Amino acid sequence: MAPIWRRENGLVWFLTSLDTEKRQE
């Protein structure tokens, strides 16, 4: 996956679809 780094608040974000195993997991 492509990480979206947000150093200023210490977070890592990803964008994905609702209909995925990731969401369920």
mmCIF file of all heavy atoms, coordinates in Angstrom:
data_MODEL
# 
_entry.id   MODEL 
# 
loop_
_atom_site.group_PDB 
_atom_site.id 
_atom_site.type_symbol 
_atom_site.label_atom_id 
_atom_site.label_alt_id 
_atom_site.label_comp_id 
_atom_site.label_asym_id 
_atom_site.label_entity_id 
_atom_site.label_seq_id 
_atom_site.pdbx_PDB_ins_code 
_atom_site.Cartn_x 
_atom_site.Cartn_y 
_atom_site.Cartn_z 
_atom_site.occupancy 
_atom_site.B_iso_or_equiv 
_atom_site.pdbx_formal_charge 
_atom_site.auth_seq_id 
_atom_site.auth_comp_id 
_atom_site.auth_asym_id 
_atom_site.auth_atom_id 
_atom_site.pdbx_PDB_model_num 
ATOM 1   N N   . MET A 1 1  ? 0.855   -1.194  0.000  1.00 0.00 ? 1  MET A N   1 
ATOM 2   C CA  . MET A 1 1  ? 0.000   0.000   0.000  1.00 0.00 ? 1  MET A CA  1 
ATOM 3   C C   . MET A 1 1  ? 0.886   1.237   0.000  1.00 0.00 ? 1  MET A C   1 
ATOM 4   O O   . MET A 1 1  ? 2.045   1.179   0.418  1.00 0.00 ? 1  MET A O   1 
ATOM 5   C CB  . MET A 1 1  ? -0.929  0.008   1.213  1.00 0.00 ? 1  MET A CB  1 
ATOM 6   C CG  . MET A 1 1  ? -1.934  -1.139  1.185  1.00 0.00 ? 1  MET A CG  1 
ATOM 7   S SD  . MET A 1 1  ? -3.251  -0.933  2.382  1.00 0.00 ? 1  MET A SD  1 
ATOM 8   C CE  . MET A 1 1  ? -4.146  0.462   1.708  1.00 0.00 ? 1  MET A CE  1 
ATOM 9   N N   . ALA A 1 2  ? 0.315   2.340   -0.418 1.00 0.00 ? 2  ALA A N   1 
ATOM 10  C CA  . ALA A 1 2  ? 1.038   3.613   -0.450 1.00 0.00 ? 2  ALA A CA  1 
ATOM 11  C C   . ALA A 1 2  ? 0.755   4.396   0.830  1.00 0.00 ? 2  ALA A C   1 
ATOM 12  O O   . ALA A 1 2  ? -0.361  4.867   1.034  1.00 0.00 ? 2  ALA A O   1 
ATOM 13  C CB  . ALA A 1 2  ? 0.607   4.423   -1.665 1.00 0.00 ? 2  ALA A CB  1 
ATOM 14  N N   . PRO A 1 3  ? 1.763   4.539   1.686  1.00 0.00 ? 3  PRO A N   1 
ATOM 15  C CA  . PRO A 1 3  ? 1.549   5.286   2.918  1.00 0.00 ? 3  PRO A CA  1 
ATOM 16  C C   . PRO A 1 3  ? 1.485   6.793   2.653  1.00 0.00 ? 3  PRO A C   1 
ATOM 17  O O   . PRO A 1 3  ? 2.140   7.305   1.738  1.00 0.00 ? 3  PRO A O   1 
ATOM 18  C CB  . PRO A 1 3  ? 2.783   4.945   3.762  1.00 0.00 ? 3  PRO A CB  1 
ATOM 19  C CG  . PRO A 1 3  ? 3.843   4.639   2.751  1.00 0.00 ? 3  PRO A CG  1 
ATOM 20  C CD  . PRO A 1 3  ? 3.132   4.039   1.569  1.00 0.00 ? 3  PRO A CD  1 
ATOM 21  N N   . ILE A 1 4  ? 0.689   7.462   3.427  1.00 0.00 ? 4  ILE A N   1 
ATOM 22  C CA  . ILE A 1 4  ? 0.631   8.932   3.408  1.00 0.00 ? 4  ILE A CA  1 
ATOM 23  C C   . ILE A 1 4  ? 1.146   9.352   4.771  1.00 0.00 ? 4  ILE A C   1 
ATOM 24  O O   . ILE A 1 4  ? 0.475   9.175   5.798  1.00 0.00 ? 4  ILE A O   1 
ATOM 25  C CB  . ILE A 1 4  ? -0.800  9.435   3.144  1.00 0.00 ? 4  ILE A CB  1 
ATOM 26  C CG1 . ILE A 1 4  ? -1.319  8.864   1.821  1.00 0.00 ? 4  ILE A CG1 1 
ATOM 27  C CG2 . ILE A 1 4  ? -0.826  10.967  3.154  1.00 0.00 ? 4  ILE A CG2 1 
ATOM 28  C CD1 . ILE A 1 4  ? -2.815  9.018   1.621  1.00 0.00 ? 4  ILE A CD1 1 
ATOM 29  N N   . TRP A 1 5  ? 2.370   9.848   4.802  1.00 0.00 ? 5  TRP A N   1 
ATOM 30  C CA  . TRP A 1 5  ? 3.051   10.174  6.053  1.00 0.00 ? 5  TRP A CA  1 
ATOM 31  C C   . TRP A 1 5  ? 2.579   11.516  6.588  1.00 0.00 ? 5  TRP A C   1 
ATOM 32  O O   . TRP A 1 5  ? 2.516   12.489  5.839  1.00 0.00 ? 5  TRP A O   1 
ATOM 33  C CB  . TRP A 1 5  ? 4.563   10.212  5.830  1.00 0.00 ? 5  TRP A CB  1 
ATOM 34  C CG  . TRP A 1 5  ? 5.119   8.974   5.215  1.00 0.00 ? 5  TRP A CG  1 
ATOM 35  C CD1 . TRP A 1 5  ? 5.546   8.814   3.925  1.00 0.00 ? 5  TRP A CD1 1 
ATOM 36  C CD2 . TRP A 1 5  ? 5.294   7.707   5.844  1.00 0.00 ? 5  TRP A CD2 1 
ATOM 37  N NE1 . TRP A 1 5  ? 5.983   7.532   3.723  1.00 0.00 ? 5  TRP A NE1 1 
ATOM 38  C CE2 . TRP A 1 5  ? 5.841   6.820   4.887  1.00 0.00 ? 5  TRP A CE2 1 
ATOM 39  C CE3 . TRP A 1 5  ? 5.034   7.220   7.132  1.00 0.00 ? 5  TRP A CE3 1 
ATOM 40  C CZ2 . TRP A 1 5  ? 6.146   5.492   5.181  1.00 0.00 ? 5  TRP A CZ2 1 
ATOM 41  C CZ3 . TRP A 1 5  ? 5.337   5.896   7.412  1.00 0.00 ? 5  TRP A CZ3 1 
ATOM 42  C CH2 . TRP A 1 5  ? 5.888   5.054   6.454  1.00 0.00 ? 5  TRP A CH2 1 
ATOM 43  N N   . ARG A 1 6  ? 2.275   11.572  7.858  1.00 0.00 ? 6  ARG A N   1 
ATOM 44  C CA  . ARG A 1 6  ? 1.910   12.835  8.521  1.00 0.00 ? 6  ARG A CA  1 
ATOM 45  C C   . ARG A 1 6  ? 2.756   12.970  9.787  1.00 0.00 ? 6  ARG A C   1 
ATOM 46  O O   . ARG A 1 6  ? 2.317   12.733  10.894 1.00 0.00 ? 6  ARG A O   1 
ATOM 47  C CB  . ARG A 1 6  ? 0.414   12.865  8.860  1.00 0.00 ? 6  ARG A CB  1 
ATOM 48  C CG  . ARG A 1 6  ? -0.485  12.955  7.636  1.00 0.00 ? 6  ARG A CG  1 
ATOM 49  C CD  . ARG A 1 6  ? -0.290  14.293  6.917  1.00 0.00 ? 6  ARG A CD  1 
ATOM 50  N NE  . ARG A 1 6  ? -1.321  14.551  5.949  1.00 0.00 ? 6  ARG A NE  1 
ATOM 51  C CZ  . ARG A 1 6  ? -1.148  14.484  4.640  1.00 0.00 ? 6  ARG A CZ  1 
ATOM 52  N NH1 . ARG A 1 6  ? 0.021   14.164  4.142  1.00 0.00 ? 6  ARG A NH1 1 
ATOM 53  N NH2 . ARG A 1 6  ? -2.144  14.741  3.823  1.00 0.00 ? 6  ARG A NH2 1 
ATOM 54  N N   . ARG A 1 7  ? 4.006   13.332  9.556  1.00 0.00 ? 7  ARG A N   1 
ATOM 55  C CA  . ARG A 1 7  ? 4.976   13.471  10.639 1.00 0.00 ? 7  ARG A CA  1 
ATOM 56  C C   . ARG A 1 7  ? 4.486   14.453  11.700 1.00 0.00 ? 7  ARG A C   1 
ATOM 57  O O   . ARG A 1 7  ? 4.693   14.229  12.894 1.00 0.00 ? 7  ARG A O   1 
ATOM 58  C CB  . ARG A 1 7  ? 6.299   13.974  10.061 1.00 0.00 ? 7  ARG A CB  1 
ATOM 59  C CG  . ARG A 1 7  ? 7.373   14.187  11.100 1.00 0.00 ? 7  ARG A CG  1 
ATOM 60  C CD  . ARG A 1 7  ? 8.547   14.985  10.589 1.00 0.00 ? 7  ARG A CD  1 
ATOM 61  N NE  . ARG A 1 7  ? 9.238   14.380  9.489  1.00 0.00 ? 7  ARG A NE  1 
ATOM 62  C CZ  . ARG A 1 7  ? 10.547  14.267  9.408  1.00 0.00 ? 7  ARG A CZ  1 
ATOM 63  N NH1 . ARG A 1 7  ? 11.311  14.692  10.381 1.00 0.00 ? 7  ARG A NH1 1 
ATOM 64  N NH2 . ARG A 1 7  ? 11.097  13.735  8.353  1.00 0.00 ? 7  ARG A NH2 1 
ATOM 65  N N   . GLU A 1 8  ? 3.842   15.520  11.264 1.00 0.00 ? 8  GLU A N   1 
ATOM 66  C CA  . GLU A 1 8  ? 3.452   16.582  12.210 1.00 0.00 ? 8  GLU A CA  1 
ATOM 67  C C   . GLU A 1 8  ? 2.537   16.079  13.321 1.00 0.00 ? 8  GLU A C   1 
ATOM 68  O O   . GLU A 1 8  ? 2.520   16.643  14.411 1.00 0.00 ? 8  GLU A O   1 
ATOM 69  C CB  . GLU A 1 8  ? 2.818   17.775  11.477 1.00 0.00 ? 8  GLU A CB  1 
ATOM 70  C CG  . GLU A 1 8  ? 1.501   17.484  10.780 1.00 0.00 ? 8  GLU A CG  1 
ATOM 71  C CD  . GLU A 1 8  ? 1.631   16.867  9.391  1.00 0.00 ? 8  GLU A CD  1 
ATOM 72  O OE1 . GLU A 1 8  ? 2.753   16.557  8.941  1.00 0.00 ? 8  GLU A OE1 1 
ATOM 73  O OE2 . GLU A 1 8  ? 0.577   16.706  8.742  1.00 0.00 ? 8  GLU A OE2 1 
ATOM 74  N N   . ASN A 1 9  ? 1.768   15.042  13.075 1.00 0.00 ? 9  ASN A N   1 
ATOM 75  C CA  . ASN A 1 9  ? 0.931   14.486  14.153 1.00 0.00 ? 9  ASN A CA  1 
ATOM 76  C C   . ASN A 1 9  ? 1.226   13.011  14.414 1.00 0.00 ? 9  ASN A C   1 
ATOM 77  O O   . ASN A 1 9  ? 0.468   12.333  15.087 1.00 0.00 ? 9  ASN A O   1 
ATOM 78  C CB  . ASN A 1 9  ? -0.555  14.738  13.904 1.00 0.00 ? 9  ASN A CB  1 
ATOM 79  C CG  . ASN A 1 9  ? -1.029  14.265  12.557 1.00 0.00 ? 9  ASN A CG  1 
ATOM 80  O OD1 . ASN A 1 9  ? -0.354  13.493  11.895 1.00 0.00 ? 9  ASN A OD1 1 
ATOM 81  N ND2 . ASN A 1 9  ? -2.184  14.735  12.139 1.00 0.00 ? 9  ASN A ND2 1 
ATOM 82  N N   . GLY A 1 10 ? 2.351   12.530  13.857 1.00 0.00 ? 10 GLY A N   1 
ATOM 83  C CA  . GLY A 1 10 ? 2.809   11.178  14.141 1.00 0.00 ? 10 GLY A CA  1 
ATOM 84  C C   . GLY A 1 10 ? 1.894   10.087  13.630 1.00 0.00 ? 10 GLY A C   1 
ATOM 85  O O   . GLY A 1 10 ? 1.782   9.039   14.269 1.00 0.00 ? 10 GLY A O   1 
ATOM 86  N N   . LEU A 1 11 ? 1.269   10.304  12.480 1.00 0.00 ? 11 LEU A N   1 
ATOM 87  C CA  . LEU A 1 11 ? 0.319   9.322   11.939 1.00 0.00 ? 11 LEU A CA  1 
ATOM 88  C C   . LEU A 1 11 ? 0.738   8.862   10.551 1.00 0.00 ? 11 LEU A C   1 
ATOM 89  O O   . LEU A 1 11 ? 1.455   9.563   9.835  1.00 0.00 ? 11 LEU A O   1 
ATOM 90  C CB  . LEU A 1 11 ? -1.085  9.932   11.845 1.00 0.00 ? 11 LEU A CB  1 
ATOM 91  C CG  . LEU A 1 11 ? -1.723  10.377  13.147 1.00 0.00 ? 11 LEU A CG  1 
ATOM 92  C CD1 . LEU A 1 11 ? -3.026  11.112  12.874 1.00 0.00 ? 11 LEU A CD1 1 
ATOM 93  C CD2 . LEU A 1 11 ? -1.942  9.191   14.074 1.00 0.00 ? 11 LEU A CD2 1 
ATOM 94  N N   . VAL A 1 12 ? 0.253   7.682   10.197 1.00 0.00 ? 12 VAL A N   1 
ATOM 95  C CA  . VAL A 1 12 ? 0.400   7.168   8.838  1.00 0.00 ? 12 VAL A CA  1 
ATOM 96  C C   . VAL A 1 12 ? -1.008  6.855   8.353  1.00 0.00 ? 12 VAL A C   1 
ATOM 97  O O   . VAL A 1 12 ? -1.806  6.259   9.078  1.00 0.00 ? 12 VAL A O   1 
ATOM 98  C CB  . VAL A 1 12 ? 1.250   5.878   8.799  1.00 0.00 ? 12 VAL A CB  1 
ATOM 99  C CG1 . VAL A 1 12 ? 1.463   5.431   7.359  1.00 0.00 ? 12 VAL A CG1 1 
ATOM 100 C CG2 . VAL A 1 12 ? 2.575   6.097   9.499  1.00 0.00 ? 12 VAL A CG2 1 
ATOM 101 N N   . TRP A 1 13 ? -1.305  7.288   7.133  1.00 0.00 ? 13 TRP A N   1 
ATOM 102 C CA  . TRP A 1 13 ? -2.634  7.083   6.562  1.00 0.00 ? 13 TRP A CA  1 
ATOM 103 C C   . TRP A 1 13 ? -2.535  6.251   5.291  1.00 0.00 ? 13 TRP A C   1 
ATOM 104 O O   . TRP A 1 13 ? -1.522  6.287   4.585  1.00 0.00 ? 13 TRP A O   1 
ATOM 105 C CB  . TRP A 1 13 ? -3.264  8.430   6.205  1.00 0.00 ? 13 TRP A CB  1 
ATOM 106 C CG  . TRP A 1 13 ? -3.596  9.295   7.369  1.00 0.00 ? 13 TRP A CG  1 
ATOM 107 C CD1 . TRP A 1 13 ? -2.762  10.184  7.996  1.00 0.00 ? 13 TRP A CD1 1 
ATOM 108 C CD2 . TRP A 1 13 ? -4.844  9.380   8.044  1.00 0.00 ? 13 TRP A CD2 1 
ATOM 109 N NE1 . TRP A 1 13 ? -3.436  10.805  9.015  1.00 0.00 ? 13 TRP A NE1 1 
ATOM 110 C CE2 . TRP A 1 13 ? -4.719  10.325  9.062  1.00 0.00 ? 13 TRP A CE2 1 
ATOM 111 C CE3 . TRP A 1 13 ? -6.074  8.731   7.879  1.00 0.00 ? 13 TRP A CE3 1 
ATOM 112 C CZ2 . TRP A 1 13 ? -5.762  10.662  9.909  1.00 0.00 ? 13 TRP A CZ2 1 
ATOM 113 C CZ3 . TRP A 1 13 ? -7.109  9.062   8.728  1.00 0.00 ? 13 TRP A CZ3 1 
ATOM 114 C CH2 . TRP A 1 13 ? -6.955  10.013  9.729  1.00 0.00 ? 13 TRP A CH2 1 
ATOM 115 N N   . PHE A 1 14 ? -3.609  5.551   4.991  1.00 0.00 ? 14 PHE A N   1 
ATOM 116 C CA  . PHE A 1 14 ? -3.773  4.838   3.728  1.00 0.00 ? 14 PHE A CA  1 
ATOM 117 C C   . PHE A 1 14 ? -5.190  5.103   3.254  1.00 0.00 ? 14 PHE A C   1 
ATOM 118 O O   . PHE A 1 14 ? -6.105  5.257   4.066  1.00 0.00 ? 14 PHE A O   1 
ATOM 119 C CB  . PHE A 1 14 ? -3.617  3.320   3.926  1.00 0.00 ? 14 PHE A CB  1 
ATOM 120 C CG  . PHE A 1 14 ? -2.270  2.911   4.445  1.00 0.00 ? 14 PHE A CG  1 
ATOM 121 C CD1 . PHE A 1 14 ? -2.071  2.724   5.805  1.00 0.00 ? 14 PHE A CD1 1 
ATOM 122 C CD2 . PHE A 1 14 ? -1.204  2.695   3.585  1.00 0.00 ? 14 PHE A CD2 1 
ATOM 123 C CE1 . PHE A 1 14 ? -0.842  2.339   6.302  1.00 0.00 ? 14 PHE A CE1 1 
ATOM 124 C CE2 . PHE A 1 14 ? 0.034   2.299   4.072  1.00 0.00 ? 14 PHE A CE2 1 
ATOM 125 C CZ  . PHE A 1 14 ? 0.212   2.126   5.436  1.00 0.00 ? 14 PHE A CZ  1 
ATOM 126 N N   . LEU A 1 15 ? -5.374  5.142   1.942  1.00 0.00 ? 15 LEU A N   1 
ATOM 127 C CA  . LEU A 1 15 ? -6.718  5.232   1.378  1.00 0.00 ? 15 LEU A CA  1 
ATOM 128 C C   . LEU A 1 15 ? -7.044  3.884   0.741  1.00 0.00 ? 15 LEU A C   1 
ATOM 129 O O   . LEU A 1 15 ? -6.193  3.278   0.093  1.00 0.00 ? 15 LEU A O   1 
ATOM 130 C CB  . LEU A 1 15 ? -6.788  6.354   0.340  1.00 0.00 ? 15 LEU A CB  1 
ATOM 131 C CG  . LEU A 1 15 ? -6.637  7.763   0.927  1.00 0.00 ? 15 LEU A CG  1 
ATOM 132 C CD1 . LEU A 1 15 ? -6.482  8.789   -0.185 1.00 0.00 ? 15 LEU A CD1 1 
ATOM 133 C CD2 . LEU A 1 15 ? -7.813  8.107   1.816  1.00 0.00 ? 15 LEU A CD2 1 
ATOM 134 N N   . THR A 1 16 ? -8.269  3.441   0.930  1.00 0.00 ? 16 THR A N   1 
ATOM 135 C CA  . THR A 1 16 ? -8.681  2.144   0.410  1.00 0.00 ? 16 THR A CA  1 
ATOM 136 C C   . THR A 1 16 ? -10.182 2.138   0.189  1.00 0.00 ? 16 THR A C   1 
ATOM 137 O O   . THR A 1 16 ? -10.864 3.132   0.438  1.00 0.00 ? 16 THR A O   1 
ATOM 138 C CB  . THR A 1 16 ? -8.251  1.002   1.371  1.00 0.00 ? 16 THR A CB  1 
ATOM 139 O OG1 . THR A 1 16 ? -8.443  -0.253  0.724  1.00 0.00 ? 16 THR A OG1 1 
ATOM 140 C CG2 . THR A 1 16 ? -9.004  1.042   2.671  1.00 0.00 ? 16 THR A CG2 1 
ATOM 141 N N   . SER A 1 17 ? -10.673 1.010   -0.257 1.00 0.00 ? 17 SER A N   1 
ATOM 142 C CA  . SER A 1 17 ? -12.104 0.839   -0.493 1.00 0.00 ? 17 SER A CA  1 
ATOM 143 C C   . SER A 1 17 ? -12.754 0.178   0.718  1.00 0.00 ? 17 SER A C   1 
ATOM 144 O O   . SER A 1 17 ? -12.132 -0.620  1.411  1.00 0.00 ? 17 SER A O   1 
ATOM 145 C CB  . SER A 1 17 ? -12.305 -0.034  -1.731 1.00 0.00 ? 17 SER A CB  1 
ATOM 146 O OG  . SER A 1 17 ? -13.660 -0.353  -1.886 1.00 0.00 ? 17 SER A OG  1 
ATOM 147 N N   . LEU A 1 18 ? -14.009 0.505   0.952  1.00 0.00 ? 18 LEU A N   1 
ATOM 148 C CA  . LEU A 1 18 ? -14.763 -0.120  2.047  1.00 0.00 ? 18 LEU A CA  1 
ATOM 149 C C   . LEU A 1 18 ? -14.874 -1.632  1.879  1.00 0.00 ? 18 LEU A C   1 
ATOM 150 O O   . LEU A 1 18 ? -14.856 -2.379  2.842  1.00 0.00 ? 18 LEU A O   1 
ATOM 151 C CB  . LEU A 1 18 ? -16.187 0.451   2.080  1.00 0.00 ? 18 LEU A CB  1 
ATOM 152 C CG  . LEU A 1 18 ? -16.441 1.621   2.997  1.00 0.00 ? 18 LEU A CG  1 
ATOM 153 C CD1 . LEU A 1 18 ? -17.854 2.146   2.790  1.00 0.00 ? 18 LEU A CD1 1 
ATOM 154 C CD2 . LEU A 1 18 ? -16.215 1.263   4.437  1.00 0.00 ? 18 LEU A CD2 1 
ATOM 155 N N   . ASP A 1 19 ? -14.976 -2.072  0.635  1.00 0.00 ? 19 ASP A N   1 
ATOM 156 C CA  . ASP A 1 19 ? -15.221 -3.482  0.357  1.00 0.00 ? 19 ASP A CA  1 
ATOM 157 C C   . ASP A 1 19 ? -13.901 -4.247  0.215  1.00 0.00 ? 19 ASP A C   1 
ATOM 158 O O   . ASP A 1 19 ? -13.578 -4.746  -0.854 1.00 0.00 ? 19 ASP A O   1 
ATOM 159 C CB  . ASP A 1 19 ? -16.058 -3.617  -0.915 1.00 0.00 ? 19 ASP A CB  1 
ATOM 160 C CG  . ASP A 1 19 ? -16.460 -5.055  -1.179 1.00 0.00 ? 19 ASP A CG  1 
ATOM 161 O OD1 . ASP A 1 19 ? -16.582 -5.821  -0.207 1.00 0.00 ? 19 ASP A OD1 1 
ATOM 162 O OD2 . ASP A 1 19 ? -16.640 -5.410  -2.358 1.00 0.00 ? 19 ASP A OD2 1 
ATOM 163 N N   . THR A 1 20 ? -13.123 -4.310  1.304  1.00 0.00 ? 20 THR A N   1 
ATOM 164 C CA  . THR A 1 20 ? -11.853 -5.038  1.275  1.00 0.00 ? 20 THR A CA  1 
ATOM 165 C C   . THR A 1 20 ? -11.696 -5.845  2.554  1.00 0.00 ? 20 THR A C   1 
ATOM 166 O O   . THR A 1 20 ? -12.321 -5.556  3.579  1.00 0.00 ? 20 THR A O   1 
ATOM 167 C CB  . THR A 1 20 ? -10.646 -4.079  1.171  1.00 0.00 ? 20 THR A CB  1 
ATOM 168 O OG1 . THR A 1 20 ? -10.594 -3.289  2.354  1.00 0.00 ? 20 THR A OG1 1 
ATOM 169 C CG2 . THR A 1 20 ? -10.722 -3.194  -0.051 1.00 0.00 ? 20 THR A CG2 1 
ATOM 170 N N   . GLU A 1 21 ? -10.830 -6.836  2.477  1.00 0.00 ? 21 GLU A N   1 
ATOM 171 C CA  . GLU A 1 21 ? -10.511 -7.619  3.670  1.00 0.00 ? 21 GLU A CA  1 
ATOM 172 C C   . GLU A 1 21 ? -9.846  -6.760  4.731  1.00 0.00 ? 21 GLU A C   1 
ATOM 173 O O   . GLU A 1 21 ? -10.021 -6.996  5.921  1.00 0.00 ? 21 GLU A O   1 
ATOM 174 C CB  . GLU A 1 21 ? -9.594  -8.788  3.306  1.00 0.00 ? 21 GLU A CB  1 
ATOM 175 C CG  . GLU A 1 21 ? -10.282 -9.911  2.579  1.00 0.00 ? 21 GLU A CG  1 
ATOM 176 C CD  . GLU A 1 21 ? -9.319  -11.055 2.310  1.00 0.00 ? 21 GLU A CD  1 
ATOM 177 O OE1 . GLU A 1 21 ? -8.761  -11.601 3.276  1.00 0.00 ? 21 GLU A OE1 1 
ATOM 178 O OE2 . GLU A 1 21 ? -9.151  -11.378 1.129  1.00 0.00 ? 21 GLU A OE2 1 
ATOM 179 N N   . LYS A 1 22 ? -9.060  -5.775  4.302  1.00 0.00 ? 22 LYS A N   1 
ATOM 180 C CA  . LYS A 1 22 ? -8.363  -4.899  5.259  1.00 0.00 ? 22 LYS A CA  1 
ATOM 181 C C   . LYS A 1 22 ? -9.347  -4.305  6.258  1.00 0.00 ? 22 LYS A C   1 
ATOM 182 O O   . LYS A 1 22 ? -9.092  -4.289  7.457  1.00 0.00 ? 22 LYS A O   1 
ATOM 183 C CB  . LYS A 1 22 ? -7.662  -3.743  4.530  1.00 0.00 ? 22 LYS A CB  1 
ATOM 184 C CG  . LYS A 1 22 ? -6.512  -4.109  3.675  1.00 0.00 ? 22 LYS A CG  1 
ATOM 185 C CD  . LYS A 1 22 ? -5.906  -2.881  3.043  1.00 0.00 ? 22 LYS A CD  1 
ATOM 186 C CE  . LYS A 1 22 ? -6.725  -2.249  1.972  1.00 0.00 ? 22 LYS A CE  1 
ATOM 187 N NZ  . LYS A 1 22 ? -6.915  -2.951  0.737  1.00 0.00 ? 22 LYS A NZ  1 
ATOM 188 N N   . ARG A 1 23 ? -10.446 -3.801  5.745  1.00 0.00 ? 23 ARG A N   1 
ATOM 189 C CA  . ARG A 1 23 ? -11.437 -3.164  6.600  1.00 0.00 ? 23 ARG A CA  1 
ATOM 190 C C   . ARG A 1 23 ? -11.945 -4.159  7.639  1.00 0.00 ? 23 ARG A C   1 
ATOM 191 O O   . ARG A 1 23 ? -12.030 -3.857  8.822  1.00 0.00 ? 23 ARG A O   1 
ATOM 192 C CB  . ARG A 1 23 ? -12.593 -2.610  5.774  1.00 0.00 ? 23 ARG A CB  1 
ATOM 193 C CG  . ARG A 1 23 ? -13.621 -1.869  6.620  1.00 0.00 ? 23 ARG A CG  1 
ATOM 194 C CD  . ARG A 1 23 ? -14.851 -1.527  5.815  1.00 0.00 ? 23 ARG A CD  1 
ATOM 195 N NE  . ARG A 1 23 ? -15.526 -2.684  5.264  1.00 0.00 ? 23 ARG A NE  1 
ATOM 196 C CZ  . ARG A 1 23 ? -16.319 -3.519  5.962  1.00 0.00 ? 23 ARG A CZ  1 
ATOM 197 N NH1 . ARG A 1 23 ? -16.511 -3.334  7.240  1.00 0.00 ? 23 ARG A NH1 1 
ATOM 198 N NH2 . ARG A 1 23 ? -16.911 -4.531  5.370  1.00 0.00 ? 23 ARG A NH2 1 
ATOM 199 N N   . GLN A 1 24 ? -12.281 -5.346  7.197  1.00 0.00 ? 24 GLN A N   1 
ATOM 200 C CA  . GLN A 1 24 ? -12.807 -6.372  8.106  1.00 0.00 ? 24 GLN A CA  1 
ATOM 201 C C   . GLN A 1 24 ? -11.751 -6.796  9.123  1.00 0.00 ? 24 GLN A C   1 
ATOM 202 O O   . GLN A 1 24 ? -12.050 -6.968  10.309 1.00 0.00 ? 24 GLN A O   1 
ATOM 203 C CB  . GLN A 1 24 ? -13.305 -7.577  7.301  1.00 0.00 ? 24 GLN A CB  1 
ATOM 204 C CG  . GLN A 1 24 ? -14.454 -7.221  6.390  1.00 0.00 ? 24 GLN A CG  1 
ATOM 205 C CD  . GLN A 1 24 ? -14.690 -8.270  5.315  1.00 0.00 ? 24 GLN A CD  1 
ATOM 206 O OE1 . GLN A 1 24 ? -13.936 -9.224  5.164  1.00 0.00 ? 24 GLN A OE1 1 
ATOM 207 N NE2 . GLN A 1 24 ? -15.752 -8.078  4.537  1.00 0.00 ? 24 GLN A NE2 1 
ATOM 208 N N   . GLU A 1 25 ? -10.520 -6.959  8.656  1.00 0.00 ? 25 GLU A N   1 
ATOM 209 C CA  . GLU A 1 25 ? -9.440  -7.379  9.548  1.00 0.00 ? 25 GLU A CA  1 
ATOM 210 C C   . GLU A 1 25 ? -9.169  -6.333  10.620 1.00 0.00 ? 25 GLU A C   1 
ATOM 211 O O   . GLU A 1 25 ? -9.023  -6.665  11.805 1.00 0.00 ? 25 GLU A O   1 
ATOM 212 C CB  . GLU A 1 25 ? -8.175  -7.658  8.744  1.00 0.00 ? 25 GLU A CB  1 
ATOM 213 C CG  . GLU A 1 25 ? -8.302  -8.875  7.846  1.00 0.00 ? 25 GLU A CG  1 
ATOM 214 C CD  . GLU A 1 25 ? -7.189  -9.022  6.829  1.00 0.00 ? 25 GLU A CD  1 
ATOM 215 O OE1 . GLU A 1 25 ? -6.267  -8.174  6.784  1.00 0.00 ? 25 GLU A OE1 1 
ATOM 216 O OE2 . GLU A 1 25 ? -7.251  -9.995  6.072  1.00 0.00 ? 25 GLU A OE2 1 
# 
